[in-house]
Amino acid sequence: SIGLVRSGEKLPGSYAFRLFPKDTFRRFATVDELTSYIRNATRGKIGLVQIAHQINWELVNPVLVHSFIAGFDNIERVICFEKVGHNLEFRITSINAIYSELFKYDNQILSYSNQLWAAGPVDEIKENPSAQWVRNNVVSSSSLDTDNDRNNNRPLHRPTQ
């Protein structure tokens, strides 16, 4: 939900919104290549990383399978803040752990290491066209915390229904 929801807003259903253009997703042969890519793509800032599954051999419309926040510790390792599953808690883990994990998609057991990855700084993602589209077309205004938004000097968001 990076940049998609503000205080008091809710997204209906899933948070599975691809926030990077499909042509920016790519595979990495090793976790070291992935780590270098995340460092460069986020410019060393707190970033969002998304993983997509390519259903067929053409990069037509990769399906988002995971998203998480990534940052760096004092020795430049990628440290991740993720929610492993819908009813599971958040955890802090390493990019190495996520890269080597398995997940289930469409009755298949797949590895994140074989999927498509994209990353970018959180500050830029919050303002990108994909995030703006979700805010304008998907976010529910039924639970807006208008007092909190007013107190924080943020404009009230009223998505088009």
C-alpha atoms as a PDB file:
ATOM      1  CA  SER A   1       0.000   0.000   0.000  1.00  0.00           C
ATOM      2  CA  ILE A   2       3.047   2.263  -0.344  1.00  0.00           C
ATOM      3  CA  GLY A   3       1.760   5.647  -1.374  1.00  0.00           C
ATOM      4  CA  LEU A   4      -1.666   4.281  -2.183  1.00  0.00           C
ATOM      5  CA  VAL A   5      -3.559   4.834   1.027  1.00  0.00           C
ATOM      6  CA  ARG A   6      -3.526   7.594   3.559  1.00  0.00           C
ATOM      7  CA  SER A   7      -4.623   7.509   7.165  1.00  0.00           C
ATOM      8  CA  GLY A   8      -8.120   6.074   7.469  1.00  0.00           C
ATOM      9  CA  GLU A   9      -8.428   4.915   3.857  1.00  0.00           C
ATOM     10  CA  LYS A  10      -8.870   1.295   2.891  1.00  0.00           C
ATOM     11  CA  LEU A  11      -8.202  -0.656  -0.269  1.00  0.00           C
ATOM     12  CA  PRO A  12     -10.904  -3.139  -1.165  1.00  0.00           C
ATOM     13  CA  GLY A  13      -9.680  -6.710  -1.509  1.00  0.00           C
ATOM     14  CA  SER A  14      -6.036  -7.185  -2.327  1.00  0.00           C
ATOM     15  CA  TYR A  15      -3.058  -4.853  -2.160  1.00  0.00           C
ATOM     16  CA  ALA A  16      -1.672  -6.472  -5.325  1.00  0.00           C
ATOM     17  CA  PHE A  17      -1.067  -3.380  -7.443  1.00  0.00           C
ATOM     18  CA  ARG A  18       1.970  -3.325  -9.699  1.00  0.00           C
ATOM     19  CA  LEU A  19       3.573   0.092  -9.166  1.00  0.00           C
ATOM     20  CA  PHE A  20       6.352  -0.230 -11.733  1.00  0.00           C
ATOM     21  CA  PRO A  21       5.986  -0.371 -15.510  1.00  0.00           C
ATOM     22  CA  LYS A  22       5.992  -3.984 -16.712  1.00  0.00           C
ATOM     23  CA  ASP A  23       9.142  -3.437 -18.785  1.00  0.00           C
ATOM     24  CA  THR A  24      11.154  -2.554 -15.657  1.00  0.00           C
ATOM     25  CA  PHE A  25      10.713  -6.019 -14.115  1.00  0.00           C
ATOM     26  CA  ARG A  26      13.658  -8.351 -14.679  1.00  0.00           C
ATOM     27  CA  ARG A  27      15.256 -11.562 -13.456  1.00  0.00           C
ATOM     28  CA  PHE A  28      18.473 -11.845 -11.472  1.00  0.00           C
ATOM     29  CA  ALA A  29      20.761 -14.873 -11.638  1.00  0.00           C
ATOM     30  CA  THR A  30      22.113 -14.339  -8.118  1.00  0.00           C
ATOM     31  CA  VAL A  31      21.107 -12.599  -4.929  1.00  0.00           C
ATOM     32  CA  ASP A  32      24.258 -10.457  -5.254  1.00  0.00           C
ATOM     33  CA  GLU A  33      23.038  -9.131  -8.632  1.00  0.00           C
ATOM     34  CA  LEU A  34      19.640  -8.439  -7.077  1.00  0.00           C
ATOM     35  CA  THR A  35      21.221  -6.655  -4.099  1.00  0.00           C
ATOM     36  CA  SER A  36      23.269  -4.425  -6.397  1.00  0.00           C
ATOM     37  CA  TYR A  37      20.168  -3.654  -8.472  1.00  0.00           C
ATOM     38  CA  ILE A  38      18.104  -2.712  -5.381  1.00  0.00           C
ATOM     39  CA  ARG A  39      20.903  -0.461  -4.097  1.00  0.00           C
ATOM     40  CA  ASN A  40      21.113   1.341  -7.462  1.00  0.00           C
ATOM     41  CA  ALA A  41      17.354   1.469  -8.112  1.00  0.00           C
ATOM     42  CA  THR A  42      16.596   2.954  -4.691  1.00  0.00           C
ATOM     43  CA  ARG A  43      19.748   5.104  -4.656  1.00  0.00           C
ATOM     44  CA  GLY A  44      20.396   3.794  -1.144  1.00  0.00           C
ATOM     45  CA  LYS A  45      17.052   5.120   0.174  1.00  0.00           C
ATOM     46  CA  ILE A  46      14.141   3.242   1.676  1.00  0.00           C
ATOM     47  CA  GLY A  47      12.506   1.508  -1.257  1.00  0.00           C
ATOM     48  CA  LEU A  48       9.683  -0.640  -2.447  1.00  0.00           C
ATOM     49  CA  VAL A  49      10.507  -3.965  -4.089  1.00  0.00           C
ATOM     50  CA  GLN A  50       7.916  -5.863  -6.093  1.00  0.00           C
ATOM     51  CA  ILE A  51       8.080  -9.395  -7.479  1.00  0.00           C
ATOM     52  CA  ALA A  52       5.982 -10.461 -10.451  1.00  0.00           C
ATOM     53  CA  HIS A  53       5.289 -13.840 -11.995  1.00  0.00           C
ATOM     54  CA  GLN A  54       5.472 -14.108 -15.758  1.00  0.00           C
ATOM     55  CA  ILE A  55       2.627 -16.392 -16.800  1.00  0.00           C
ATOM     56  CA  ASN A  56       3.820 -16.992 -20.349  1.00  0.00           C
ATOM     57  CA  TRP A  57       7.076 -16.502 -22.233  1.00  0.00           C
ATOM     58  CA  GLU A  58       6.169 -12.995 -23.355  1.00  0.00           C
ATOM     59  CA  LEU A  59       6.221 -10.173 -20.845  1.00  0.00           C
ATOM     60  CA  VAL A  60       2.586  -9.349 -21.563  1.00  0.00           C
ATOM     61  CA  ASN A  61       1.150  -8.752 -18.116  1.00  0.00           C
ATOM     62  CA  PRO A  62       3.227 -10.068 -15.220  1.00  0.00           C
ATOM     63  CA  VAL A  63       1.148 -10.842 -12.123  1.00  0.00           C
ATOM     64  CA  LEU A  64       2.313  -9.280  -8.867  1.00  0.00           C
ATOM     65  CA  VAL A  65       3.103 -11.986  -6.310  1.00  0.00           C
ATOM     66  CA  HIS A  66       4.910 -10.065  -3.542  1.00  0.00           C
ATOM     67  CA  SER A  67       5.863  -6.564  -2.382  1.00  0.00           C
ATOM     68  CA  PHE A  68       7.959  -5.368   0.524  1.00  0.00           C
ATOM     69  CA  ILE A  69       9.910  -2.431   1.916  1.00  0.00           C
ATOM     70  CA  ALA A  70      13.705  -2.577   1.601  1.00  0.00           C
ATOM     71  CA  GLY A  71      16.409  -0.586   3.343  1.00  0.00           C
ATOM     72  CA  PHE A  72      20.069  -1.001   4.186  1.00  0.00           C
ATOM     73  CA  ASP A  73      21.859  -1.775   7.420  1.00  0.00           C
ATOM     74  CA  ASN A  74      25.186  -0.245   8.476  1.00  0.00           C
ATOM     75  CA  ILE A  75      27.150  -2.748   6.381  1.00  0.00           C
ATOM     76  CA  GLU A  76      24.992  -2.229   3.268  1.00  0.00           C
ATOM     77  CA  ARG A  77      22.987  -5.445   3.441  1.00  0.00           C
ATOM     78  CA  VAL A  78      19.425  -5.220   2.129  1.00  0.00           C
ATOM     79  CA  ILE A  79      17.035  -5.558   5.066  1.00  0.00           C
ATOM     80  CA  CYS A  80      13.370  -6.166   4.246  1.00  0.00           C
ATOM     81  CA  PHE A  81      10.089  -5.473   6.024  1.00  0.00           C
ATOM     82  CA  GLU A  82       7.411  -7.760   4.655  1.00  0.00           C
ATOM     83  CA  LYS A  83       4.074  -9.364   5.328  1.00  0.00           C
ATOM     84  CA  VAL A  84       4.560 -12.997   4.384  1.00  0.00           C
ATOM     85  CA  GLY A  85       0.893 -13.778   3.837  1.00  0.00           C
ATOM     86  CA  HIS A  86      -2.588 -12.349   4.132  1.00  0.00           C
ATOM     87  CA  ASN A  87      -3.279 -13.568   7.671  1.00  0.00           C
ATOM     88  CA  LEU A  88       0.331 -13.574   8.814  1.00  0.00           C
ATOM     89  CA  GLU A  89       2.294 -10.963  10.719  1.00  0.00           C
ATOM     90  CA  PHE A  90       4.954  -8.610   9.389  1.00  0.00           C
ATOM     91  CA  ARG A  91       8.588  -9.601   9.753  1.00  0.00           C
ATOM     92  CA  ILE A  92      12.069  -8.209   9.222  1.00  0.00           C
ATOM     93  CA  THR A  93      14.270 -10.427   7.088  1.00  0.00           C
ATOM     94  CA  SER A  94      17.091 -10.346   4.563  1.00  0.00           C
ATOM     95  CA  ILE A  95      16.882 -10.157   0.784  1.00  0.00           C
ATOM     96  CA  ASN A  96      18.768 -13.469   0.754  1.00  0.00           C
ATOM     97  CA  ALA A  97      15.915 -15.150   2.634  1.00  0.00           C
ATOM     98  CA  ILE A  98      13.218 -13.789   0.323  1.00  0.00           C
ATOM     99  CA  TYR A  99      15.207 -14.578  -2.828  1.00  0.00           C
ATOM    100  CA  SER A 100      15.483 -18.248  -1.836  1.00  0.00           C
ATOM    101  CA  GLU A 101      11.889 -18.697  -0.595  1.00  0.00           C
ATOM    102  CA  LEU A 102       9.216 -20.738  -2.299  1.00  0.00           C
ATOM    103  CA  PHE A 103       5.628 -19.632  -2.822  1.00  0.00           C
ATOM    104  CA  LYS A 104       2.464 -21.167  -4.201  1.00  0.00           C
ATOM    105  CA  TYR A 105       0.827 -19.736  -7.323  1.00  0.00           C
ATOM    106  CA  ASP A 106      -1.949 -21.387  -9.305  1.00  0.00           C
ATOM    107  CA  ASN A 107      -1.298 -24.764  -7.621  1.00  0.00           C
ATOM    108  CA  GLN A 108       2.420 -24.615  -8.453  1.00  0.00           C
ATOM    109  CA  ILE A 109       5.331 -24.260  -6.052  1.00  0.00           C
ATOM    110  CA  LEU A 110       7.650 -21.565  -7.414  1.00  0.00           C
ATOM    111  CA  SER A 111      10.801 -19.819  -6.226  1.00  0.00           C
ATOM    112  CA  TYR A 112      11.082 -16.054  -5.936  1.00  0.00           C
ATOM    113  CA  SER A 113      14.588 -16.414  -7.378  1.00  0.00           C
ATOM    114  CA  ASN A 114      13.071 -17.272 -10.782  1.00  0.00           C
ATOM    115  CA  GLN A 115      10.629 -14.366 -10.849  1.00  0.00           C
ATOM    116  CA  LEU A 116      10.739 -10.797 -12.155  1.00  0.00           C
ATOM    117  CA  TRP A 117      11.850  -8.025  -9.782  1.00  0.00           C
ATOM    118  CA  ALA A 118      11.522  -4.226  -9.758  1.00  0.00           C
ATOM    119  CA  ALA A 119      12.488  -1.625  -7.160  1.00  0.00           C
ATOM    120  CA  GLY A 120      12.464   2.107  -6.571  1.00  0.00           C
ATOM    121  CA  PRO A 121      12.575   4.739  -3.807  1.00  0.00           C
ATOM    122  CA  VAL A 122       9.348   5.022  -1.795  1.00  0.00           C
ATOM    123  CA  ASP A 123       9.237   8.821  -2.229  1.00  0.00           C
ATOM    124  CA  GLU A 124       9.088   8.512  -6.007  1.00  0.00           C
ATOM    125  CA  ILE A 125       6.625   5.623  -6.029  1.00  0.00           C
ATOM    126  CA  LYS A 126       4.099   7.565  -3.970  1.00  0.00           C
ATOM    127  CA  GLU A 127       3.810  10.081  -6.812  1.00  0.00           C
ATOM    128  CA  ASN A 128       4.083   7.800  -9.832  1.00  0.00           C
ATOM    129  CA  PRO A 129       1.155   7.466 -12.277  1.00  0.00           C
ATOM    130  CA  SER A 130       0.271   3.932 -11.125  1.00  0.00           C
ATOM    131  CA  ALA A 131      -0.084   5.006  -7.486  1.00  0.00           C
ATOM    132  CA  GLN A 132      -2.124   8.044  -8.520  1.00  0.00           C
ATOM    133  CA  TRP A 133      -4.435   5.845 -10.609  1.00  0.00           C
ATOM    134  CA  VAL A 134      -5.048   3.490  -7.664  1.00  0.00           C
ATOM    135  CA  ARG A 135      -5.757   6.433  -5.360  1.00  0.00           C
ATOM    136  CA  ASN A 136      -8.184   7.931  -7.875  1.00  0.00           C
ATOM    137  CA  ASN A 137      -9.956   4.740  -8.934  1.00  0.00           C
ATOM    138  CA  VAL A 138      -9.678   2.080  -6.253  1.00  0.00           C
ATOM    139  CA  VAL A 139      -9.178   3.516  -2.772  1.00  0.00           C
ATOM    140  CA  SER A 140     -12.333   3.506  -0.655  1.00  0.00           C
ATOM    141  CA  SER A 141     -13.247   6.808   0.954  1.00  0.00           C
ATOM    142  CA  SER A 142     -15.756   5.195   3.280  1.00  0.00           C
ATOM    143  CA  SER A 143     -13.379   5.301   6.222  1.00  0.00           C
ATOM    144  CA  LEU A 144     -11.448   8.521   5.717  1.00  0.00           C
ATOM    145  CA  ASP A 145      -9.989   9.937   8.886  1.00  0.00           C
ATOM    146  CA  THR A 146     -10.723  13.534   7.954  1.00  0.00           C
ATOM    147  CA  ASP A 147      -9.690  14.986  11.309  1.00  0.00           C
ATOM    148  CA  ASN A 148      -6.300  13.309  11.068  1.00  0.00           C
ATOM    149  CA  ASP A 149      -5.843  14.470   7.463  1.00  0.00           C
ATOM    150  CA  ARG A 150      -6.881  18.008   8.387  1.00  0.00           C
ATOM    151  CA  ASN A 151      -4.537  18.049  11.395  1.00  0.00           C
ATOM    152  CA  ASN A 152      -1.642  16.901   9.220  1.00  0.00           C
ATOM    153  CA  ASN A 153      -2.315  19.625   6.625  1.00  0.00           C
ATOM    154  CA  ARG A 154      -2.870  17.073   3.888  1.00  0.00           C
ATOM    155  CA  PRO A 155      -5.546  17.655   1.292  1.00  0.00           C
ATOM    156  CA  LEU A 156      -8.555  15.423   1.718  1.00  0.00           C
ATOM    157  CA  HIS A 157      -8.590  12.668  -0.840  1.00  0.00           C
ATOM    158  CA  ARG A 158     -11.912  11.927  -2.492  1.00  0.00           C
ATOM    159  CA  PRO A 159     -11.465   9.224  -5.108  1.00  0.00           C
ATOM    160  CA  THR A 160     -13.808   9.066  -8.062  1.00  0.00           C
ATOM    161  CA  GLN A 161     -16.443   6.385  -7.537  1.00  0.00           C
END
